[in-house]
Amino acid sequence: MSTDNGVSDGVSGARTAPAAEDVAVAPPEVSVGAGGSAGAGGAGGSIATTGSGAPPGSVASAASGASTAARLQALFEGHRLTPTQRRIAHCMVRRAADAPFLSSVELAELAGVSQPSVTRFAVALGFDGYPALRKHLRDVAPAEPEADEGSYNEYQQAVQSEIDNLRHLAALLADPAPVVRAGRLLADSRPLLVLGLRAASAQARGFTYFARKVHPDVRLLDEGGTMLADRVDAARRAGATALLCFALPRHPREVVEGLEYAQEAGLTVVAVADSAFAPIARHTDLLLPAAVGTGLAFDTACAPMLLGRVLLEAMCDALPEAQARLEEFDAKAAERALFVE
């Protein structure tokens, strides 16, 4: 069983109610990488991507050479998926290395859904059934690793996995438009809310620490429950227009509920999440995916952390006073001898 700190076991949690399987959800705008467009959750409810409209046997070119998780995500994007099907997709991305070898029963158990739901998921992707989907995943799986790569120990393999995640992030950033848009949304919000609970709290705190050096009013949301709603209400009354959320596995229920409340309050939600199919996706307006590593007992989050710094840069670019604020801070830091170097 996975802990709230991101221990990997691939089990997504409680079963989805059968009634939800037939309700399609329009996804948020999602950044999809080189050559892809950021698809709005509008007509048709599909996520636009390089692979949109391609036959089920093709994978977006932006994912070539990237990790298996990136290949899976590219395959799933561009399809109208129900909440249950998005749950299955998220589980497969999280268990990318095992996905081509799981039976439909095993996948159903890991995702917390029924076996027929897995079959319907494969059909929704354009395959005849789950065996055809699994065969496709095996056919496009990366070639066997070189001999020297096969000799890596578990710690080196974890590092290599994160390198793959960073390469995929670099491909995604080949189209800077979604990040530029996010930067403007964050810069224009006074105050700006930053949410991150449990495993994502470090990313939220790191972003907030640096953002406060250039943005006049940044408020960290580091507790859930009714207090979270109270602080959203207070920020909205003060003029807030946007909320940035860092969301990492395992995804706390109170984050999902908090984002739903924030949207109902009129805030635009920008999110950094481990995949476009994360449980928070339906409650975001602009989702930027950055995969986590799952090779160790606790997940590693190099890509989400780096994407947070990229968003900081984009926000600085959209803040005319950012450079002056940084220079003012440096002058005061030198005057107070804050740093030893």
C-alpha atoms as a PDB file:
ATOM      1  CA  MET A   1       0.000   0.000   0.000  1.00  0.00           C
ATOM      2  CA  SER A   2       1.265   3.440  -0.860  1.00  0.00           C
ATOM      3  CA  THR A   3       1.644   6.093   1.832  1.00  0.00           C
ATOM      4  CA  ASP A   4       0.719   9.733   1.523  1.00  0.00           C
ATOM      5  CA  ASN A   5       4.387  10.475   0.832  1.00  0.00           C
ATOM      6  CA  GLY A   6       4.274   8.821  -2.548  1.00  0.00           C
ATOM      7  CA  VAL A   7       5.397   5.271  -1.876  1.00  0.00           C
ATOM      8  CA  SER A   8       4.879   3.399  -5.112  1.00  0.00           C
ATOM      9  CA  ASP A   9       2.539   0.444  -5.318  1.00  0.00           C
ATOM     10  CA  GLY A  10       0.372   1.501  -8.272  1.00  0.00           C
ATOM     11  CA  VAL A  11      -2.904   1.022  -6.396  1.00  0.00           C
ATOM     12  CA  SER A  12      -5.093   4.035  -7.082  1.00  0.00           C
ATOM     13  CA  GLY A  13      -7.524   3.687  -4.206  1.00  0.00           C
ATOM     14  CA  ALA A  14     -11.244   3.182  -3.804  1.00  0.00           C
ATOM     15  CA  ARG A  15     -13.392   1.893  -6.635  1.00  0.00           C
ATOM     16  CA  THR A  16     -15.075   4.363  -8.936  1.00  0.00           C
ATOM     17  CA  ALA A  17     -18.847   4.241  -8.815  1.00  0.00           C
ATOM     18  CA  PRO A  18     -20.210   2.427 -11.885  1.00  0.00           C
ATOM     19  CA  ALA A  19     -22.603   5.280 -12.574  1.00  0.00           C
ATOM     20  CA  ALA A  20     -19.643   7.563 -13.295  1.00  0.00           C
ATOM     21  CA  GLU A  21     -18.321   5.356 -16.078  1.00  0.00           C
ATOM     22  CA  ASP A  22     -20.740   6.733 -18.656  1.00  0.00           C
ATOM     23  CA  VAL A  23     -20.185  10.407 -17.859  1.00  0.00           C
ATOM     24  CA  ALA A  24     -17.524  11.938 -20.092  1.00  0.00           C
ATOM     25  CA  VAL A  25     -15.523  14.784 -18.572  1.00  0.00           C
ATOM     26  CA  ALA A  26     -14.104  17.628 -20.611  1.00  0.00           C
ATOM     27  CA  PRO A  27     -10.424  17.837 -19.623  1.00  0.00           C
ATOM     28  CA  PRO A  28      -8.592  21.086 -18.893  1.00  0.00           C
ATOM     29  CA  GLU A  29      -6.241  22.762 -21.280  1.00  0.00           C
ATOM     30  CA  VAL A  30      -3.140  20.598 -21.226  1.00  0.00           C
ATOM     31  CA  SER A  31       0.361  21.301 -22.418  1.00  0.00           C
ATOM     32  CA  VAL A  32       1.410  18.351 -24.561  1.00  0.00           C
ATOM     33  CA  GLY A  33       4.861  19.080 -25.903  1.00  0.00           C
ATOM     34  CA  ALA A  34       6.667  19.660 -29.146  1.00  0.00           C
ATOM     35  CA  GLY A  35       4.444  20.075 -32.128  1.00  0.00           C
ATOM     36  CA  GLY A  36       1.264  19.671 -30.085  1.00  0.00           C
ATOM     37  CA  SER A  37      -1.315  22.279 -29.315  1.00  0.00           C
ATOM     38  CA  ALA A  38      -2.687  23.090 -25.917  1.00  0.00           C
ATOM     39  CA  GLY A  39      -6.200  21.747 -26.185  1.00  0.00           C
ATOM     40  CA  ALA A  40      -8.995  23.529 -24.468  1.00  0.00           C
ATOM     41  CA  GLY A  41     -11.582  21.480 -22.668  1.00  0.00           C
ATOM     42  CA  GLY A  42     -14.284  22.597 -25.054  1.00  0.00           C
ATOM     43  CA  ALA A  43     -16.189  20.933 -27.862  1.00  0.00           C
ATOM     44  CA  GLY A  44     -15.727  17.227 -27.871  1.00  0.00           C
ATOM     45  CA  GLY A  45     -13.855  17.315 -24.574  1.00  0.00           C
ATOM     46  CA  SER A  46     -10.663  15.947 -26.097  1.00  0.00           C
ATOM     47  CA  ILE A  47      -7.095  16.943 -25.324  1.00  0.00           C
ATOM     48  CA  ALA A  48      -5.342  18.200 -28.433  1.00  0.00           C
ATOM     49  CA  THR A  49      -1.962  16.605 -28.985  1.00  0.00           C
ATOM     50  CA  THR A  50       0.486  15.726 -31.700  1.00  0.00           C
ATOM     51  CA  GLY A  51      -1.150  12.321 -31.948  1.00  0.00           C
ATOM     52  CA  SER A  52      -4.727  13.591 -32.174  1.00  0.00           C
ATOM     53  CA  GLY A  53      -6.595  12.018 -35.059  1.00  0.00           C
ATOM     54  CA  ALA A  54      -3.872   9.434 -35.639  1.00  0.00           C
ATOM     55  CA  PRO A  55      -4.725   5.739 -35.831  1.00  0.00           C
ATOM     56  CA  PRO A  56      -4.504   3.819 -32.570  1.00  0.00           C
ATOM     57  CA  GLY A  57      -1.212   2.255 -33.577  1.00  0.00           C
ATOM     58  CA  SER A  58       0.636   5.573 -33.724  1.00  0.00           C
ATOM     59  CA  VAL A  59       2.261   7.503 -30.895  1.00  0.00           C
ATOM     60  CA  ALA A  60       2.947  11.241 -30.865  1.00  0.00           C
ATOM     61  CA  SER A  61       6.364  12.041 -32.286  1.00  0.00           C
ATOM     62  CA  ALA A  62       7.078  14.306 -29.343  1.00  0.00           C
ATOM     63  CA  ALA A  63       7.326  11.191 -27.197  1.00  0.00           C
ATOM     64  CA  SER A  64       9.927   9.423 -29.331  1.00  0.00           C
ATOM     65  CA  GLY A  65      13.003   8.669 -27.291  1.00  0.00           C
ATOM     66  CA  ALA A  66      11.207   9.656 -24.100  1.00  0.00           C
ATOM     67  CA  SER A  67      10.236   7.388 -21.235  1.00  0.00           C
ATOM     68  CA  THR A  68       7.630   4.648 -21.478  1.00  0.00           C
ATOM     69  CA  ALA A  69       5.341   6.804 -19.347  1.00  0.00           C
ATOM     70  CA  ALA A  70       5.624   9.582 -21.907  1.00  0.00           C
ATOM     71  CA  ARG A  71       4.751   7.164 -24.716  1.00  0.00           C
ATOM     72  CA  LEU A  72       1.662   6.026 -22.845  1.00  0.00           C
ATOM     73  CA  GLN A  73       0.549   9.566 -22.144  1.00  0.00           C
ATOM     74  CA  ALA A  74       0.964  10.493 -25.812  1.00  0.00           C
ATOM     75  CA  LEU A  75      -1.152   7.489 -26.793  1.00  0.00           C
ATOM     76  CA  PHE A  76      -3.975   8.378 -24.406  1.00  0.00           C
ATOM     77  CA  GLU A  77      -4.153  12.090 -25.149  1.00  0.00           C
ATOM     78  CA  GLY A  78      -6.564  13.194 -27.834  1.00  0.00           C
ATOM     79  CA  HIS A  79      -9.300  10.767 -26.752  1.00  0.00           C
ATOM     80  CA  ARG A  80     -12.551  11.506 -24.947  1.00  0.00           C
ATOM     81  CA  LEU A  81     -12.310   9.451 -21.755  1.00  0.00           C
ATOM     82  CA  THR A  82     -14.786   8.962 -18.943  1.00  0.00           C
ATOM     83  CA  PRO A  83     -13.659   9.467 -15.323  1.00  0.00           C
ATOM     84  CA  THR A  84     -13.166   5.708 -14.925  1.00  0.00           C
ATOM     85  CA  GLN A  85     -11.126   5.515 -18.138  1.00  0.00           C
ATOM     86  CA  ARG A  86      -8.971   8.447 -17.036  1.00  0.00           C
ATOM     87  CA  ARG A  87      -8.381   6.528 -13.800  1.00  0.00           C
ATOM     88  CA  ILE A  88      -7.137   3.552 -15.801  1.00  0.00           C
ATOM     89  CA  ALA A  89      -4.934   5.788 -17.955  1.00  0.00           C
ATOM     90  CA  HIS A  90      -3.416   7.405 -14.867  1.00  0.00           C
ATOM     91  CA  CYS A  91      -2.710   3.992 -13.345  1.00  0.00           C
ATOM     92  CA  MET A  92      -0.986   2.807 -16.535  1.00  0.00           C
ATOM     93  CA  VAL A  93       1.187   5.920 -16.675  1.00  0.00           C
ATOM     94  CA  ARG A  94       2.161   5.340 -13.048  1.00  0.00           C
ATOM     95  CA  ARG A  95       2.944   1.667 -13.783  1.00  0.00           C
ATOM     96  CA  ALA A  96       4.470   2.341 -17.195  1.00  0.00           C
ATOM     97  CA  ALA A  97       7.163  -0.324 -16.995  1.00  0.00           C
ATOM     98  CA  ASP A  98       4.631  -3.025 -16.109  1.00  0.00           C
ATOM     99  CA  ALA A  99       1.749  -1.843 -18.289  1.00  0.00           C
ATOM    100  CA  PRO A 100       2.554  -3.928 -21.421  1.00  0.00           C
ATOM    101  CA  PHE A 101       2.547  -7.115 -19.344  1.00  0.00           C
ATOM    102  CA  LEU A 102      -0.521  -6.651 -17.131  1.00  0.00           C
ATOM    103  CA  SER A 103      -3.639  -8.698 -17.738  1.00  0.00           C
ATOM    104  CA  SER A 104      -6.965  -6.890 -17.861  1.00  0.00           C
ATOM    105  CA  VAL A 105      -7.841  -8.343 -14.455  1.00  0.00           C
ATOM    106  CA  GLU A 106      -4.545  -7.161 -12.938  1.00  0.00           C
ATOM    107  CA  LEU A 107      -4.939  -3.687 -14.422  1.00  0.00           C
ATOM    108  CA  ALA A 108      -8.517  -3.481 -13.167  1.00  0.00           C
ATOM    109  CA  GLU A 109      -7.397  -4.387  -9.648  1.00  0.00           C
ATOM    110  CA  LEU A 110      -4.558  -1.848  -9.675  1.00  0.00           C
ATOM    111  CA  ALA A 111      -6.823   0.930 -10.966  1.00  0.00           C
ATOM    112  CA  GLY A 112      -9.695   0.022  -8.655  1.00  0.00           C
ATOM    113  CA  VAL A 113     -12.189  -0.505 -11.482  1.00  0.00           C
ATOM    114  CA  SER A 114     -14.041  -3.449 -13.030  1.00  0.00           C
ATOM    115  CA  GLN A 115     -12.529  -5.709 -15.682  1.00  0.00           C
ATOM    116  CA  PRO A 116     -15.189  -4.710 -18.281  1.00  0.00           C
ATOM    117  CA  SER A 117     -14.142  -1.091 -17.716  1.00  0.00           C
ATOM    118  CA  VAL A 118     -10.625  -1.990 -18.876  1.00  0.00           C
ATOM    119  CA  THR A 119     -12.071  -3.537 -22.035  1.00  0.00           C
ATOM    120  CA  ARG A 120     -14.161  -0.432 -22.726  1.00  0.00           C
ATOM    121  CA  PHE A 121     -11.065   1.692 -22.143  1.00  0.00           C
ATOM    122  CA  ALA A 122      -9.144  -0.180 -24.854  1.00  0.00           C
ATOM    123  CA  VAL A 123     -12.054   0.179 -27.267  1.00  0.00           C
ATOM    124  CA  ALA A 124     -12.247   3.903 -26.525  1.00  0.00           C
ATOM    125  CA  LEU A 125      -8.628   4.182 -27.670  1.00  0.00           C
ATOM    126  CA  GLY A 126      -9.535   2.542 -30.994  1.00  0.00           C
ATOM    127  CA  PHE A 127      -8.426  -1.025 -30.336  1.00  0.00           C
ATOM    128  CA  ASP A 128     -10.522  -4.171 -30.764  1.00  0.00           C
ATOM    129  CA  GLY A 129     -10.077  -4.994 -27.102  1.00  0.00           C
ATOM    130  CA  TYR A 130      -7.544  -5.058 -24.302  1.00  0.00           C
ATOM    131  CA  PRO A 131      -5.362  -7.824 -25.853  1.00  0.00           C
ATOM    132  CA  ALA A 132      -4.860  -5.603 -28.929  1.00  0.00           C
ATOM    133  CA  LEU A 133      -3.911  -2.651 -26.728  1.00  0.00           C
ATOM    134  CA  ARG A 134      -1.443  -4.749 -24.751  1.00  0.00           C
ATOM    135  CA  LYS A 135       0.088  -6.111 -27.969  1.00  0.00           C
ATOM    136  CA  HIS A 136       0.526  -2.560 -29.226  1.00  0.00           C
ATOM    137  CA  LEU A 137       2.227  -1.518 -25.983  1.00  0.00           C
ATOM    138  CA  ARG A 138       4.637  -4.432 -26.290  1.00  0.00           C
ATOM    139  CA  ASP A 139       5.351  -3.652 -29.953  1.00  0.00           C
ATOM    140  CA  VAL A 140       6.277  -0.012 -29.245  1.00  0.00           C
ATOM    141  CA  ALA A 141       8.167  -0.738 -26.023  1.00  0.00           C
ATOM    142  CA  PRO A 142      11.755   0.530 -26.057  1.00  0.00           C
ATOM    143  CA  ALA A 143      14.411  -1.887 -27.213  1.00  0.00           C
ATOM    144  CA  GLU A 144      16.275  -3.926 -24.641  1.00  0.00           C
ATOM    145  CA  PRO A 145      18.799  -1.764 -22.749  1.00  0.00           C
ATOM    146  CA  GLU A 146      22.458  -1.846 -23.608  1.00  0.00           C
ATOM    147  CA  ALA A 147      24.624  -4.142 -21.568  1.00  0.00           C
ATOM    148  CA  ASP A 148      26.128  -1.313 -19.545  1.00  0.00           C
ATOM    149  CA  GLU A 149      22.673   0.055 -18.758  1.00  0.00           C
ATOM    150  CA  GLY A 150      21.573  -3.392 -17.610  1.00  0.00           C
ATOM    151  CA  SER A 151      24.363  -3.349 -15.048  1.00  0.00           C
ATOM    152  CA  TYR A 152      23.001  -0.244 -13.314  1.00  0.00           C
ATOM    153  CA  ASN A 153      22.078  -0.752  -9.690  1.00  0.00           C
ATOM    154  CA  GLU A 154      18.691   0.346  -8.368  1.00  0.00           C
ATOM    155  CA  TYR A 155      19.950   3.799  -7.401  1.00  0.00           C
ATOM    156  CA  GLN A 156      21.435   4.438 -10.835  1.00  0.00           C
ATOM    157  CA  GLN A 157      18.245   3.190 -12.471  1.00  0.00           C
ATOM    158  CA  ALA A 158      16.256   5.715 -10.433  1.00  0.00           C
ATOM    159  CA  VAL A 159      18.528   8.483 -11.692  1.00  0.00           C
ATOM    160  CA  GLN A 160      18.196   7.270 -15.286  1.00  0.00           C
ATOM    161  CA  SER A 161      14.411   7.280 -14.919  1.00  0.00           C
ATOM    162  CA  GLU A 162      14.485  10.891 -13.784  1.00  0.00           C
ATOM    163  CA  ILE A 163      16.744  11.782 -16.716  1.00  0.00           C
ATOM    164  CA  ASP A 164      14.063  10.320 -19.007  1.00  0.00           C
ATOM    165  CA  ASN A 165      11.421  12.408 -17.247  1.00  0.00           C
ATOM    166  CA  LEU A 166      13.511  15.546 -17.703  1.00  0.00           C
ATOM    167  CA  ARG A 167      14.003  14.773 -21.399  1.00  0.00           C
ATOM    168  CA  HIS A 168      10.242  14.503 -21.805  1.00  0.00           C
ATOM    169  CA  LEU A 169       9.790  17.796 -19.983  1.00  0.00           C
ATOM    170  CA  ALA A 170      12.300  19.407 -22.347  1.00  0.00           C
ATOM    171  CA  ALA A 171      10.249  18.134 -25.308  1.00  0.00           C
ATOM    172  CA  LEU A 172       7.083  19.513 -23.758  1.00  0.00           C
ATOM    173  CA  LEU A 173       8.699  22.936 -23.320  1.00  0.00           C
ATOM    174  CA  ALA A 174       9.535  23.093 -27.033  1.00  0.00           C
ATOM    175  CA  ASP A 175       6.137  24.801 -27.222  1.00  0.00           C
ATOM    176  CA  PRO A 176       6.479  27.548 -24.570  1.00  0.00           C
ATOM    177  CA  ALA A 177       2.991  29.005 -25.090  1.00  0.00           C
ATOM    178  CA  PRO A 178       1.246  27.167 -22.190  1.00  0.00           C
ATOM    179  CA  VAL A 179       4.000  28.134 -19.741  1.00  0.00           C
ATOM    180  CA  VAL A 180       3.993  31.738 -20.964  1.00  0.00           C
ATOM    181  CA  ARG A 181       0.219  31.876 -20.499  1.00  0.00           C
ATOM    182  CA  ALA A 182       0.538  30.381 -17.022  1.00  0.00           C
ATOM    183  CA  GLY A 183       3.201  32.927 -16.107  1.00  0.00           C
ATOM    184  CA  ARG A 184       0.906  35.788 -17.075  1.00  0.00           C
ATOM    185  CA  LEU A 185      -2.007  34.348 -15.117  1.00  0.00           C
ATOM    186  CA  LEU A 186       0.147  34.031 -12.006  1.00  0.00           C
ATOM    187  CA  ALA A 187       1.692  37.498 -12.401  1.00  0.00           C
ATOM    188  CA  ASP A 188      -1.687  39.180 -12.811  1.00  0.00           C
ATOM    189  CA  SER A 189      -3.239  37.616  -9.702  1.00  0.00           C
ATOM    190  CA  ARG A 190      -3.030  39.868  -6.621  1.00  0.00           C
ATOM    191  CA  PRO A 191      -2.827  38.003  -4.320  1.00  0.00           C
ATOM    192  CA  LEU A 192      -1.515  34.780  -5.845  1.00  0.00           C
ATOM    193  CA  LEU A 193      -2.453  31.498  -4.157  1.00  0.00           C
ATOM    194  CA  VAL A 194      -0.070  28.513  -4.174  1.00  0.00           C
ATOM    195  CA  LEU A 195      -1.430  25.148  -3.036  1.00  0.00           C
ATOM    196  CA  GLY A 196       0.518  21.992  -2.204  1.00  0.00           C
ATOM    197  CA  LEU A 197      -0.338  19.379   0.404  1.00  0.00           C
ATOM    198  CA  ARG A 198       1.455  16.282   1.664  1.00  0.00           C
ATOM    199  CA  ALA A 199       3.930  15.010  -0.959  1.00  0.00           C
ATOM    200  CA  ALA A 200       3.606  18.222  -2.996  1.00  0.00           C
ATOM    201  CA  SER A 201       4.172  20.589  -0.073  1.00  0.00           C
ATOM    202  CA  ALA A 202       7.902  20.927  -0.799  1.00  0.00           C
ATOM    203  CA  GLN A 203       7.260  22.101  -4.365  1.00  0.00           C
ATOM    204  CA  ALA A 204       4.643  24.606  -3.214  1.00  0.00           C
ATOM    205  CA  ARG A 205       6.867  25.983  -0.462  1.00  0.00           C
ATOM    206  CA  GLY A 206       9.866  26.278  -2.782  1.00  0.00           C
ATOM    207  CA  PHE A 207       7.848  28.142  -5.393  1.00  0.00           C
ATOM    208  CA  THR A 208       6.364  30.450  -2.766  1.00  0.00           C
ATOM    209  CA  TYR A 209       9.768  31.252  -1.255  1.00  0.00           C
ATOM    210  CA  PHE A 210      11.169  32.518  -4.543  1.00  0.00           C
ATOM    211  CA  ALA A 211       7.930  34.021  -5.863  1.00  0.00           C
ATOM    212  CA  ARG A 212       7.701  36.333  -2.863  1.00  0.00           C
ATOM    213  CA  LYS A 213      10.930  38.003  -3.975  1.00  0.00           C
ATOM    214  CA  VAL A 214       9.285  39.320  -7.148  1.00  0.00           C
ATOM    215  CA  HIS A 215       5.488  39.151  -6.625  1.00  0.00           C
ATOM    216  CA  PRO A 216       3.901  41.598  -4.167  1.00  0.00           C
ATOM    217  CA  ASP A 217       1.489  39.139  -2.527  1.00  0.00           C
ATOM    218  CA  VAL A 218       1.934  35.347  -2.593  1.00  0.00           C
ATOM    219  CA  ARG A 219      -0.064  33.227  -0.161  1.00  0.00           C
ATOM    220  CA  LEU A 220       0.830  29.609   0.573  1.00  0.00           C
ATOM    221  CA  LEU A 221      -2.047  27.190   1.115  1.00  0.00           C
ATOM    222  CA  ASP A 222      -0.512  24.421   3.199  1.00  0.00           C
ATOM    223  CA  GLU A 223      -3.506  23.038   5.062  1.00  0.00           C
ATOM    224  CA  GLY A 224      -6.678  21.430   3.797  1.00  0.00           C
ATOM    225  CA  GLY A 225     -10.173  21.054   5.115  1.00  0.00           C
ATOM    226  CA  THR A 226     -12.440  23.966   5.969  1.00  0.00           C
ATOM    227  CA  MET A 227      -9.441  26.248   6.556  1.00  0.00           C
ATOM    228  CA  LEU A 228      -8.490  25.887   2.902  1.00  0.00           C
ATOM    229  CA  ALA A 229     -11.919  27.109   1.810  1.00  0.00           C
ATOM    230  CA  ASP A 230     -11.719  30.023   4.252  1.00  0.00           C
ATOM    231  CA  ARG A 231      -8.373  31.138   2.860  1.00  0.00           C
ATOM    232  CA  VAL A 232      -9.602  30.831  -0.727  1.00  0.00           C
ATOM    233  CA  ASP A 233     -12.568  33.027   0.154  1.00  0.00           C
ATOM    234  CA  ALA A 234     -10.327  35.621   1.824  1.00  0.00           C
ATOM    235  CA  ALA A 235      -7.962  35.755  -1.145  1.00  0.00           C
ATOM    236  CA  ARG A 236     -10.853  36.040  -3.580  1.00  0.00           C
ATOM    237  CA  ARG A 237     -12.252  39.019  -1.643  1.00  0.00           C
ATOM    238  CA  ALA A 238      -8.777  40.592  -1.771  1.00  0.00           C
ATOM    239  CA  GLY A 239      -8.752  40.325  -5.570  1.00  0.00           C
ATOM    240  CA  ALA A 240      -7.104  36.979  -6.329  1.00  0.00           C
ATOM    241  CA  THR A 241      -7.771  35.655  -9.827  1.00  0.00           C
ATOM    242  CA  ALA A 242      -5.517  32.576 -10.029  1.00  0.00           C
ATOM    243  CA  LEU A 243      -4.321  29.628  -7.989  1.00  0.00           C
ATOM    244  CA  LEU A 244      -1.238  27.510  -8.695  1.00  0.00           C
ATOM    245  CA  CYS A 245      -1.453  23.921  -7.476  1.00  0.00           C
ATOM    246  CA  PHE A 246       1.326  21.353  -7.213  1.00  0.00           C
ATOM    247  CA  ALA A 247      -0.247  17.883  -7.171  1.00  0.00           C
ATOM    248  CA  LEU A 248       1.787  14.702  -6.753  1.00  0.00           C
ATOM    249  CA  PRO A 249       0.916  11.081  -5.907  1.00  0.00           C
ATOM    250  CA  ARG A 250      -0.748   9.999  -3.846  1.00  0.00           C
ATOM    251  CA  HIS A 251      -3.305  12.699  -4.507  1.00  0.00           C
ATOM    252  CA  PRO A 252      -5.092  13.874  -1.331  1.00  0.00           C
ATOM    253  CA  ARG A 253      -8.858  14.061  -1.592  1.00  0.00           C
ATOM    254  CA  GLU A 254      -8.809  17.508   0.045  1.00  0.00           C
ATOM    255  CA  VAL A 255      -6.729  18.871  -2.855  1.00  0.00           C
ATOM    256  CA  VAL A 256      -9.323  17.700  -5.382  1.00  0.00           C
ATOM    257  CA  GLU A 257     -12.108  19.171  -3.279  1.00  0.00           C
ATOM    258  CA  GLY A 258     -10.127  22.370  -2.709  1.00  0.00           C
ATOM    259  CA  LEU A 259      -9.584  22.928  -6.436  1.00  0.00           C
ATOM    260  CA  GLU A 260     -13.258  22.321  -7.122  1.00  0.00           C
ATOM    261  CA  TYR A 261     -14.103  24.964  -4.525  1.00  0.00           C
ATOM    262  CA  ALA A 262     -11.525  27.384  -5.961  1.00  0.00           C
ATOM    263  CA  GLN A 263     -13.031  27.111  -9.432  1.00  0.00           C
ATOM    264  CA  GLU A 264     -16.527  27.626  -8.064  1.00  0.00           C
ATOM    265  CA  ALA A 265     -15.211  30.761  -6.342  1.00  0.00           C
ATOM    266  CA  GLY A 266     -14.072  32.082  -9.721  1.00  0.00           C
ATOM    267  CA  LEU A 267     -10.331  31.374  -9.590  1.00  0.00           C
ATOM    268  CA  THR A 268      -8.393  30.179 -12.633  1.00  0.00           C
ATOM    269  CA  VAL A 269      -6.514  27.027 -11.608  1.00  0.00           C
ATOM    270  CA  VAL A 270      -3.048  26.328 -13.019  1.00  0.00           C
ATOM    271  CA  ALA A 271      -1.616  22.959 -11.995  1.00  0.00           C
ATOM    272  CA  VAL A 272       1.668  21.081 -12.123  1.00  0.00           C
ATOM    273  CA  ALA A 273       0.795  17.373 -11.870  1.00  0.00           C
ATOM    274  CA  ASP A 274       2.443  14.027 -12.524  1.00  0.00           C
ATOM    275  CA  SER A 275       0.273  13.344 -15.588  1.00  0.00           C
ATOM    276  CA  ALA A 276      -2.518  14.813 -17.674  1.00  0.00           C
ATOM    277  CA  PHE A 277      -4.777  12.128 -16.196  1.00  0.00           C
ATOM    278  CA  ALA A 278      -4.149  12.927 -12.543  1.00  0.00           C
ATOM    279  CA  PRO A 279      -7.259  12.965 -10.322  1.00  0.00           C
ATOM    280  CA  ILE A 280      -7.142  16.778 -10.142  1.00  0.00           C
ATOM    281  CA  ALA A 281      -7.329  17.215 -13.938  1.00  0.00           C
ATOM    282  CA  ARG A 282     -11.075  17.827 -14.117  1.00  0.00           C
ATOM    283  CA  HIS A 283     -10.742  20.754 -11.707  1.00  0.00           C
ATOM    284  CA  THR A 284      -7.932  22.639 -13.484  1.00  0.00           C
ATOM    285  CA  ASP A 285      -7.992  25.220 -16.266  1.00  0.00           C
ATOM    286  CA  LEU A 286      -4.373  24.796 -17.388  1.00  0.00           C
ATOM    287  CA  LEU A 287      -2.503  21.609 -16.508  1.00  0.00           C
ATOM    288  CA  LEU A 288       1.240  21.215 -17.069  1.00  0.00           C
ATOM    289  CA  PRO A 289       2.353  17.562 -16.689  1.00  0.00           C
ATOM    290  CA  ALA A 290       5.732  16.559 -15.281  1.00  0.00           C
ATOM    291  CA  ALA A 291       6.280  12.880 -14.506  1.00  0.00           C
ATOM    292  CA  VAL A 292       7.605  11.579 -11.200  1.00  0.00           C
ATOM    293  CA  GLY A 293      10.081   8.754 -10.740  1.00  0.00           C
ATOM    294  CA  THR A 294       8.770   5.585  -9.116  1.00  0.00           C
ATOM    295  CA  GLY A 295      11.916   3.446  -8.911  1.00  0.00           C
ATOM    296  CA  LEU A 296      12.575   4.001  -5.214  1.00  0.00           C
ATOM    297  CA  ALA A 297      10.482   3.419  -2.108  1.00  0.00           C
ATOM    298  CA  PHE A 298       9.363   7.054  -2.244  1.00  0.00           C
ATOM    299  CA  ASP A 299       8.597   8.906  -5.473  1.00  0.00           C
ATOM    300  CA  THR A 300      11.150  11.356  -6.848  1.00  0.00           C
ATOM    301  CA  ALA A 301       9.997  14.668  -8.303  1.00  0.00           C
ATOM    302  CA  CYS A 302      12.834  16.273 -10.236  1.00  0.00           C
ATOM    303  CA  ALA A 303      10.675  17.200 -13.240  1.00  0.00           C
ATOM    304  CA  PRO A 304       7.859  18.822 -11.221  1.00  0.00           C
ATOM    305  CA  MET A 305      10.422  20.839  -9.258  1.00  0.00           C
ATOM    306  CA  LEU A 306      12.136  22.057 -12.430  1.00  0.00           C
ATOM    307  CA  LEU A 307       8.798  22.898 -14.050  1.00  0.00           C
ATOM    308  CA  GLY A 308       8.013  25.004 -10.985  1.00  0.00           C
ATOM    309  CA  ARG A 309      11.217  26.987 -11.567  1.00  0.00           C
ATOM    310  CA  VAL A 310      10.289  27.397 -15.233  1.00  0.00           C
ATOM    311  CA  LEU A 311       6.937  28.845 -14.150  1.00  0.00           C
ATOM    312  CA  LEU A 312       8.787  31.236 -11.843  1.00  0.00           C
ATOM    313  CA  GLU A 313      10.836  32.434 -14.803  1.00  0.00           C
ATOM    314  CA  ALA A 314       7.719  32.907 -16.904  1.00  0.00           C
ATOM    315  CA  MET A 315       6.064  34.831 -14.084  1.00  0.00           C
ATOM    316  CA  CYS A 316       9.127  37.068 -13.714  1.00  0.00           C
ATOM    317  CA  ASP A 317       9.000  37.800 -17.440  1.00  0.00           C
ATOM    318  CA  ALA A 318       5.405  38.962 -16.995  1.00  0.00           C
ATOM    319  CA  LEU A 319       6.191  41.183 -13.982  1.00  0.00           C
ATOM    320  CA  PRO A 320       7.711  44.526 -15.077  1.00  0.00           C
ATOM    321  CA  GLU A 321       8.921  45.226 -11.546  1.00  0.00           C
ATOM    322  CA  ALA A 322      10.573  41.815 -11.037  1.00  0.00           C
ATOM    323  CA  GLN A 323      14.135  42.945 -11.787  1.00  0.00           C
ATOM    324  CA  ALA A 324      13.853  45.989  -9.527  1.00  0.00           C
ATOM    325  CA  ARG A 325      12.517  43.847  -6.683  1.00  0.00           C
ATOM    326  CA  LEU A 326      15.400  41.369  -7.069  1.00  0.00           C
ATOM    327  CA  GLU A 327      17.969  44.172  -7.046  1.00  0.00           C
ATOM    328  CA  GLU A 328      16.334  45.673  -3.956  1.00  0.00           C
ATOM    329  CA  PHE A 329      16.492  42.308  -2.196  1.00  0.00           C
ATOM    330  CA  ASP A 330      20.151  41.825  -3.125  1.00  0.00           C
ATOM    331  CA  ALA A 331      21.027  45.252  -1.770  1.00  0.00           C
ATOM    332  CA  LYS A 332      19.272  44.593   1.535  1.00  0.00           C
ATOM    333  CA  ALA A 333      20.786  41.119   1.784  1.00  0.00           C
ATOM    334  CA  ALA A 334      24.276  42.594   1.389  1.00  0.00           C
ATOM    335  CA  GLU A 335      23.509  45.315   3.928  1.00  0.00           C
ATOM    336  CA  ARG A 336      22.327  42.745   6.452  1.00  0.00           C
ATOM    337  CA  ALA A 337      25.052  40.219   5.594  1.00  0.00           C
ATOM    338  CA  LEU A 338      22.449  37.507   5.106  1.00  0.00           C
ATOM    339  CA  PHE A 339      24.715  35.178   3.179  1.00  0.00           C
ATOM    340  CA  VAL A 340      28.278  34.061   3.846  1.00  0.00           C
ATOM    341  CA  GLU A 341      29.442  33.714   0.240  1.00  0.00           C
END
